[in-house]
C-alpha atoms as a PDB file:
ATOM      1  CA  MET A   1     -14.199   7.942  15.990  1.00  0.00           C
ATOM      2  CA  MET A   2     -15.533   5.074  13.905  1.00  0.00           C
ATOM      3  CA  TYR A   3     -12.162   3.584  13.051  1.00  0.00           C
ATOM      4  CA  ALA A   4     -11.038   3.476  16.656  1.00  0.00           C
ATOM      5  CA  LEU A   5     -14.015   1.306  17.562  1.00  0.00           C
ATOM      6  CA  HIS A   6     -12.711  -1.377  15.225  1.00  0.00           C
ATOM      7  CA  LYS A   7      -8.986  -1.108  15.949  1.00  0.00           C
ATOM      8  CA  GLU A   8      -8.906  -4.214  18.057  1.00  0.00           C
ATOM      9  CA  MET A   9     -10.591  -6.229  15.288  1.00  0.00           C
ATOM     10  CA  ILE A  10      -8.137  -5.253  12.565  1.00  0.00           C
ATOM     11  CA  ARG A  11      -6.272  -8.056  10.867  1.00  0.00           C
ATOM     12  CA  MET A  12      -3.104  -6.303   9.811  1.00  0.00           C
ATOM     13  CA  LYS A  13      -1.264  -7.233   6.629  1.00  0.00           C
ATOM     14  CA  LEU A  14       2.415  -6.792   5.814  1.00  0.00           C
ATOM     15  CA  GLN A  15       3.101  -5.388   2.354  1.00  0.00           C
ATOM     16  CA  VAL A  16       6.614  -5.353   0.894  1.00  0.00           C
ATOM     17  CA  ALA A  17       7.462  -2.556  -1.531  1.00  0.00           C
ATOM     18  CA  LEU A  18       9.506  -3.847  -4.465  1.00  0.00           C
ATOM     19  CA  ASP A  19      10.953  -0.747  -6.095  1.00  0.00           C
ATOM     20  CA  THR A  20      14.558  -1.173  -7.203  1.00  0.00           C
ATOM     21  CA  LEU A  21      15.211  -4.925  -7.275  1.00  0.00           C
ATOM     22  CA  SER A  22      15.257  -6.956 -10.472  1.00  0.00           C
ATOM     23  CA  LEU A  23      12.373  -9.317 -11.162  1.00  0.00           C
ATOM     24  CA  GLU A  24      14.601 -12.281 -10.347  1.00  0.00           C
ATOM     25  CA  GLU A  25      15.599 -10.684  -7.026  1.00  0.00           C
ATOM     26  CA  CYS A  26      11.952  -9.947  -6.207  1.00  0.00           C
ATOM     27  CA  ILE A  27      10.952 -13.554  -6.807  1.00  0.00           C
ATOM     28  CA  GLN A  28      13.805 -14.687  -4.582  1.00  0.00           C
ATOM     29  CA  LEU A  29      12.734 -12.244  -1.854  1.00  0.00           C
ATOM     30  CA  LEU A  30       9.116 -13.418  -1.986  1.00  0.00           C
ATOM     31  CA  GLU A  31      10.276 -17.028  -1.712  1.00  0.00           C
ATOM     32  CA  GLN A  32      12.381 -16.106   1.324  1.00  0.00           C
ATOM     33  CA  THR A  33       9.572 -14.211   3.054  1.00  0.00           C
ATOM     34  CA  LYS A  34       6.713 -16.655   2.477  1.00  0.00           C
ATOM     35  CA  GLY A  35       4.398 -16.749   5.462  1.00  0.00           C
ATOM     36  CA  SER A  36       5.261 -13.177   6.471  1.00  0.00           C
ATOM     37  CA  VAL A  37       4.508 -11.027   3.419  1.00  0.00           C
ATOM     38  CA  GLU A  38       0.858 -10.991   2.335  1.00  0.00           C
ATOM     39  CA  ILE A  39       0.956  -8.241  -0.290  1.00  0.00           C
ATOM     40  CA  ALA A  40       3.671  -7.780  -2.913  1.00  0.00           C
ATOM     41  CA  GLU A  41       3.839  -4.212  -4.172  1.00  0.00           C
ATOM     42  CA  VAL A  42       5.194  -3.716  -7.649  1.00  0.00           C
ATOM     43  CA  GLY A  43       6.512  -0.236  -6.976  1.00  0.00           C
ATOM     44  CA  THR A  44       6.333   2.796  -9.223  1.00  0.00           C
ATOM     45  CA  PRO A  45      10.023   2.677 -10.252  1.00  0.00           C
ATOM     46  CA  PHE A  46       9.588  -1.014 -11.097  1.00  0.00           C
ATOM     47  CA  ILE A  47       6.532  -0.262 -13.251  1.00  0.00           C
ATOM     48  CA  ILE A  48       8.370   2.574 -15.014  1.00  0.00           C
ATOM     49  CA  GLU A  49      11.214   0.194 -15.859  1.00  0.00           C
ATOM     50  CA  GLU A  50       9.336  -3.034 -16.587  1.00  0.00           C
ATOM     51  CA  GLY A  51       5.688  -2.123 -17.180  1.00  0.00           C
ATOM     52  CA  MET A  52       3.149  -4.769 -16.187  1.00  0.00           C
ATOM     53  CA  VAL A  53       5.566  -7.700 -16.618  1.00  0.00           C
ATOM     54  CA  PRO A  54       6.381  -7.954 -12.868  1.00  0.00           C
ATOM     55  CA  VAL A  55       2.675  -7.787 -11.983  1.00  0.00           C
ATOM     56  CA  LYS A  56       1.905 -10.668 -14.329  1.00  0.00           C
ATOM     57  CA  GLU A  57       4.880 -12.766 -13.234  1.00  0.00           C
ATOM     58  CA  ILE A  58       4.415 -12.332  -9.476  1.00  0.00           C
ATOM     59  CA  HIS A  59       0.685 -13.022  -9.788  1.00  0.00           C
ATOM     60  CA  LYS A  60       1.449 -16.221 -11.704  1.00  0.00           C
ATOM     61  CA  ARG A  61       4.186 -17.473  -9.375  1.00  0.00           C
ATOM     62  CA  PHE A  62       2.611 -16.483  -6.057  1.00  0.00           C
ATOM     63  CA  PRO A  63      -1.173 -16.902  -6.358  1.00  0.00           C
ATOM     64  CA  GLU A  64      -1.494 -16.868  -2.557  1.00  0.00           C
ATOM     65  CA  ILE A  65      -0.062 -13.331  -2.353  1.00  0.00           C
ATOM     66  CA  GLU A  66      -2.041 -10.223  -3.285  1.00  0.00           C
ATOM     67  CA  VAL A  67      -0.261  -8.081  -5.878  1.00  0.00           C
ATOM     68  CA  LEU A  68      -0.505  -4.311  -5.607  1.00  0.00           C
ATOM     69  CA  ALA A  69       0.324  -2.268  -8.696  1.00  0.00           C
ATOM     70  CA  ASP A  70       1.621   1.060  -7.413  1.00  0.00           C
ATOM     71  CA  ALA A  71       0.665   2.909 -10.569  1.00  0.00           C
ATOM     72  CA  LYS A  72      -0.036   6.173  -8.706  1.00  0.00           C
ATOM     73  CA  ILE A  73      -2.737   6.950 -11.258  1.00  0.00           C
ATOM     74  CA  MET A  74      -3.502  10.652 -11.710  1.00  0.00           C
ATOM     75  CA  ASP A  75      -5.523  10.722 -14.934  1.00  0.00           C
ATOM     76  CA  ALA A  76      -7.475   8.337 -17.175  1.00  0.00           C
ATOM     77  CA  GLY A  77      -8.358   6.465 -14.000  1.00  0.00           C
ATOM     78  CA  GLU A  78     -10.603   3.714 -15.329  1.00  0.00           C
ATOM     79  CA  PHE A  79      -8.456   3.012 -18.394  1.00  0.00           C
ATOM     80  CA  GLU A  80      -5.162   2.803 -16.511  1.00  0.00           C
ATOM     81  CA  ALA A  81      -6.626   0.775 -13.651  1.00  0.00           C
ATOM     82  CA  ASP A  82      -8.091  -1.681 -16.176  1.00  0.00           C
ATOM     83  CA  LYS A  83      -4.577  -2.369 -17.475  1.00  0.00           C
ATOM     84  CA  CYS A  84      -3.295  -3.084 -13.963  1.00  0.00           C
ATOM     85  CA  PHE A  85      -6.160  -5.372 -12.991  1.00  0.00           C
ATOM     86  CA  GLU A  86      -6.011  -7.213 -16.318  1.00  0.00           C
ATOM     87  CA  ALA A  87      -2.316  -7.925 -15.641  1.00  0.00           C
ATOM     88  CA  GLY A  88      -3.216  -9.623 -12.362  1.00  0.00           C
ATOM     89  CA  ALA A  89      -3.145  -6.866  -9.757  1.00  0.00           C
ATOM     90  CA  SER A  90      -5.445  -7.290  -6.766  1.00  0.00           C
ATOM     91  CA  ILE A  91      -5.001  -3.665  -5.629  1.00  0.00           C
ATOM     92  CA  VAL A  92      -4.245  -0.521  -7.650  1.00  0.00           C
ATOM     93  CA  THR A  93      -3.146   2.882  -6.362  1.00  0.00           C
ATOM     94  CA  VAL A  94      -4.438   6.291  -7.363  1.00  0.00           C
ATOM     95  CA  LEU A  95      -3.192   9.610  -5.993  1.00  0.00           C
ATOM     96  CA  GLY A  96      -5.334  11.497  -3.511  1.00  0.00           C
ATOM     97  CA  VAL A  97      -4.476  14.789  -5.244  1.00  0.00           C
ATOM     98  CA  SER A  98      -6.192  13.529  -8.417  1.00  0.00           C
ATOM     99  CA  HIS A  99      -9.561  14.802  -9.583  1.00  0.00           C
ATOM    100  CA  ASP A 100     -12.550  13.089  -7.991  1.00  0.00           C
ATOM    101  CA  GLU A 101     -13.552  11.794 -11.423  1.00  0.00           C
ATOM    102  CA  THR A 102     -10.197  10.020 -11.757  1.00  0.00           C
ATOM    103  CA  ILE A 103     -10.580   8.275  -8.396  1.00  0.00           C
ATOM    104  CA  GLN A 104     -14.154   7.345  -9.253  1.00  0.00           C
ATOM    105  CA  GLY A 105     -12.937   5.832 -12.526  1.00  0.00           C
ATOM    106  CA  VAL A 106     -10.454   3.636 -10.655  1.00  0.00           C
ATOM    107  CA  VAL A 107     -13.261   2.536  -8.322  1.00  0.00           C
ATOM    108  CA  ARG A 108     -15.413   1.563 -11.327  1.00  0.00           C
ATOM    109  CA  SER A 109     -12.555  -0.459 -12.746  1.00  0.00           C
ATOM    110  CA  ALA A 110     -11.980  -2.211  -9.424  1.00  0.00           C
ATOM    111  CA  LYS A 111     -15.642  -3.197  -9.215  1.00  0.00           C
ATOM    112  CA  ASN A 112     -15.537  -4.582 -12.751  1.00  0.00           C
ATOM    113  CA  HIS A 113     -12.452  -6.681 -11.958  1.00  0.00           C
ATOM    114  CA  ASN A 114     -13.288  -7.657  -8.374  1.00  0.00           C
ATOM    115  CA  GLY A 115     -10.255  -5.655  -7.249  1.00  0.00           C
ATOM    116  CA  LYS A 116      -9.471  -3.040  -4.627  1.00  0.00           C
ATOM    117  CA  VAL A 117      -8.425   0.615  -4.654  1.00  0.00           C
ATOM    118  CA  MET A 118      -5.781   2.222  -2.482  1.00  0.00           C
ATOM    119  CA  VAL A 119      -5.589   6.013  -2.482  1.00  0.00           C
ATOM    120  CA  ASP A 120      -2.073   7.322  -1.871  1.00  0.00           C
ATOM    121  CA  MET A 121      -2.249  10.555   0.133  1.00  0.00           C
ATOM    122  CA  ILE A 122       1.317  11.622  -0.592  1.00  0.00           C
ATOM    123  CA  ASN A 123       1.627  15.442  -0.547  1.00  0.00           C
ATOM    124  CA  VAL A 124      -2.076  16.007   0.206  1.00  0.00           C
ATOM    125  CA  HIS A 125      -2.055  19.287   2.112  1.00  0.00           C
ATOM    126  CA  ASP A 126      -5.412  19.387   3.886  1.00  0.00           C
ATOM    127  CA  LEU A 127      -5.343  15.735   4.861  1.00  0.00           C
ATOM    128  CA  ALA A 128      -8.444  15.599   7.063  1.00  0.00           C
ATOM    129  CA  ILE A 129     -10.734  17.311   4.552  1.00  0.00           C
ATOM    130  CA  ARG A 130      -9.482  15.335   1.555  1.00  0.00           C
ATOM    131  CA  THR A 131      -9.674  12.065   3.486  1.00  0.00           C
ATOM    132  CA  LYS A 132     -13.333  12.733   4.337  1.00  0.00           C
ATOM    133  CA  GLU A 133     -14.084  13.384   0.657  1.00  0.00           C
ATOM    134  CA  ILE A 134     -12.297  10.269  -0.577  1.00  0.00           C
ATOM    135  CA  ASP A 135     -13.797   8.104   2.165  1.00  0.00           C
ATOM    136  CA  GLU A 136     -17.205   8.622   0.516  1.00  0.00           C
ATOM    137  CA  MET A 137     -16.043   7.467  -2.929  1.00  0.00           C
ATOM    138  CA  GLY A 138     -16.061   3.721  -2.322  1.00  0.00           C
ATOM    139  CA  VAL A 139     -12.298   3.179  -2.090  1.00  0.00           C
ATOM    140  CA  ASP A 140     -10.919   0.314  -0.005  1.00  0.00           C
ATOM    141  CA  TYR A 141      -7.790   1.840   1.524  1.00  0.00           C
ATOM    142  CA  ILE A 142      -6.523   5.333   2.272  1.00  0.00           C
ATOM    143  CA  CYS A 143      -2.746   5.277   2.623  1.00  0.00           C
ATOM    144  CA  VAL A 144      -0.670   7.918   4.387  1.00  0.00           C
ATOM    145  CA  HIS A 145       2.718   8.055   2.724  1.00  0.00           C
ATOM    146  CA  THR A 146       5.871   9.891   3.717  1.00  0.00           C
ATOM    147  CA  ALA A 147       7.691  10.597   0.459  1.00  0.00           C
ATOM    148  CA  PHE A 148      11.152   9.109  -0.019  1.00  0.00           C
ATOM    149  CA  ASP A 149      12.548  12.560  -0.785  1.00  0.00           C
ATOM    150  CA  VAL A 150      11.571  13.951   2.635  1.00  0.00           C
ATOM    151  CA  GLN A 151      12.298  10.945   4.851  1.00  0.00           C
ATOM    152  CA  GLN A 152      15.851  12.160   5.392  1.00  0.00           C
ATOM    153  CA  SER A 153      14.457  15.211   7.200  1.00  0.00           C
ATOM    154  CA  GLY A 154      13.061  12.925   9.891  1.00  0.00           C
ATOM    155  CA  GLN A 155       9.432  12.945   8.778  1.00  0.00           C
ATOM    156  CA  ASP A 156       7.425   9.790   9.379  1.00  0.00           C
ATOM    157  CA  PRO A 157       3.790   8.863   8.670  1.00  0.00           C
ATOM    158  CA  LEU A 158       2.541   8.324  12.251  1.00  0.00           C
ATOM    159  CA  GLU A 159       0.945  11.739  12.820  1.00  0.00           C
ATOM    160  CA  GLU A 160      -0.763  11.631   9.434  1.00  0.00           C
ATOM    161  CA  LEU A 161      -2.043   8.134  10.199  1.00  0.00           C
ATOM    162  CA  LYS A 162      -3.697   9.492  13.345  1.00  0.00           C
ATOM    163  CA  ILE A 163      -5.455  12.172  11.283  1.00  0.00           C
ATOM    164  CA  VAL A 164      -6.773   9.651   8.775  1.00  0.00           C
ATOM    165  CA  ASN A 165      -7.918   7.210  11.448  1.00  0.00           C
ATOM    166  CA  ASN A 166      -9.822  10.025  13.138  1.00  0.00           C
ATOM    167  CA  VAL A 167     -12.014  10.777  10.128  1.00  0.00           C
ATOM    168  CA  ILE A 168     -12.534   7.586   8.096  1.00  0.00           C
ATOM    169  CA  HIS A 169     -15.806   5.670   8.371  1.00  0.00           C
ATOM    170  CA  HIS A 170     -15.781   3.368   5.326  1.00  0.00           C
ATOM    171  CA  ALA A 171     -12.262   2.805   4.012  1.00  0.00           C
ATOM    172  CA  LYS A 172      -9.418   1.189   5.935  1.00  0.00           C
ATOM    173  CA  SER A 173      -6.114   2.889   6.574  1.00  0.00           C
ATOM    174  CA  ALA A 174      -2.681   1.949   5.304  1.00  0.00           C
ATOM    175  CA  VAL A 175       0.722   3.416   6.017  1.00  0.00           C
ATOM    176  CA  ALA A 176       3.928   3.693   3.979  1.00  0.00           C
ATOM    177  CA  GLY A 177       7.200   5.561   3.963  1.00  0.00           C
ATOM    178  CA  GLY A 178      10.217   4.811   6.109  1.00  0.00           C
ATOM    179  CA  VAL A 179       8.606   2.127   8.275  1.00  0.00           C
ATOM    180  CA  LYS A 180      11.351   0.370  10.247  1.00  0.00           C
ATOM    181  CA  LEU A 181      11.614  -2.219  12.993  1.00  0.00           C
ATOM    182  CA  GLU A 182      12.168   0.655  15.441  1.00  0.00           C
ATOM    183  CA  THR A 183       8.963   2.469  14.437  1.00  0.00           C
ATOM    184  CA  ILE A 184       6.528  -0.317  13.596  1.00  0.00           C
ATOM    185  CA  GLN A 185       5.214  -0.747  17.157  1.00  0.00           C
ATOM    186  CA  ASP A 186       3.877   2.831  17.302  1.00  0.00           C
ATOM    187  CA  ILE A 187       2.153   2.323  13.957  1.00  0.00           C
ATOM    188  CA  VAL A 188       0.616  -0.963  15.114  1.00  0.00           C
ATOM    189  CA  ASN A 189      -0.607   0.738  18.279  1.00  0.00           C
ATOM    190  CA  GLU A 190      -2.310   3.444  16.223  1.00  0.00           C
ATOM    191  CA  GLY A 191      -3.844   0.880  13.871  1.00  0.00           C
ATOM    192  CA  ALA A 192      -3.650   0.333  10.107  1.00  0.00           C
ATOM    193  CA  GLU A 193      -4.927  -2.525   7.973  1.00  0.00           C
ATOM    194  CA  ILE A 194      -1.850  -2.531   5.731  1.00  0.00           C
ATOM    195  CA  ILE A 195       1.687  -1.670   6.789  1.00  0.00           C
ATOM    196  CA  VAL A 196       4.036  -1.122   3.871  1.00  0.00           C
ATOM    197  CA  VAL A 197       7.729  -1.845   4.343  1.00  0.00           C
ATOM    198  CA  GLY A 198      10.351  -1.318   1.667  1.00  0.00           C
ATOM    199  CA  GLY A 199      14.044  -0.875   2.389  1.00  0.00           C
ATOM    200  CA  ALA A 200      13.895  -2.345   5.888  1.00  0.00           C
ATOM    201  CA  ILE A 201      13.140  -5.744   4.325  1.00  0.00           C
ATOM    202  CA  CYS A 202      14.644  -5.411   0.837  1.00  0.00           C
ATOM    203  CA  ASN A 203      18.015  -4.167   2.136  1.00  0.00           C
ATOM    204  CA  ALA A 204      18.192  -6.478   5.172  1.00  0.00           C
ATOM    205  CA  LYS A 205      21.051  -8.980   5.367  1.00  0.00           C
ATOM    206  CA  ASN A 206      18.512 -11.629   6.346  1.00  0.00           C
ATOM    207  CA  ARG A 207      15.257 -10.728   4.616  1.00  0.00           C
ATOM    208  CA  ALA A 208      13.331 -13.722   5.923  1.00  0.00           C
ATOM    209  CA  LYS A 209      14.266 -12.903   9.521  1.00  0.00           C
ATOM    210  CA  MET A 210      13.433  -9.206   9.162  1.00  0.00           C
ATOM    211  CA  ALA A 211      10.050  -9.896   7.536  1.00  0.00           C
ATOM    212  CA  LYS A 212       9.191 -12.441  10.217  1.00  0.00           C
ATOM    213  CA  GLU A 213      10.149  -9.996  12.987  1.00  0.00           C
ATOM    214  CA  MET A 214       8.057  -7.211  11.482  1.00  0.00           C
ATOM    215  CA  LYS A 215       5.120  -9.536  10.880  1.00  0.00           C
ATOM    216  CA  GLY A 216       5.358 -10.541  14.545  1.00  0.00           C
ATOM    217  CA  TYR A 217       4.345  -7.021  15.582  1.00  0.00           C
ATOM    218  CA  LEU A 218       1.165  -7.079  13.496  1.00  0.00           C
ATOM    219  CA  LYS A 219      -2.229  -7.981  14.943  1.00  0.00           C
ATOM    220  CA  SER A 220      -3.765 -11.027  13.315  1.00  0.00           C
END
């Protein structure tokens, strides 16, 4: 298991998912969580509502933070990724259920813009097989993702993370979907380069404290 050999050398990053806050609230949150959050995700709902404006603004105001545009690209990969990178994104997402050609187009765009590609494996049915295929395409991250709509049923991404970590040789793993203070230790123990946290930080009474606590679990 190639990934397991490098688990102890992983420098984990905390990514905050900004989905339903206003741009002003997001800027305030990122100010509050400086030193803990390393990647600011402009979430899909945010992009649907505001387009690339939040990507541009967060990139401008927080040059020390990587900006991930969660575009969840599924077609016209190179064209759509170009728009995200040109707006200031460091990382762009494409869906694992997309055609290979779409993912390859996003990879080409990333290379042209010195950016990175994260493949979101949400609702991928044969996870091990598809992960092996995508791992050979030159992507940077493969992200297991428990969908918001099924989190209420008690599903979490840990078991899927184990599957991905067992088969990847080139890309690094990431994990998203319902990550909480109570579950982050198990995820850290399994190993992932990027741990994505949304509501646990965004809805916390003290966002700075919550982000700092969660960051404290991560290996650096």
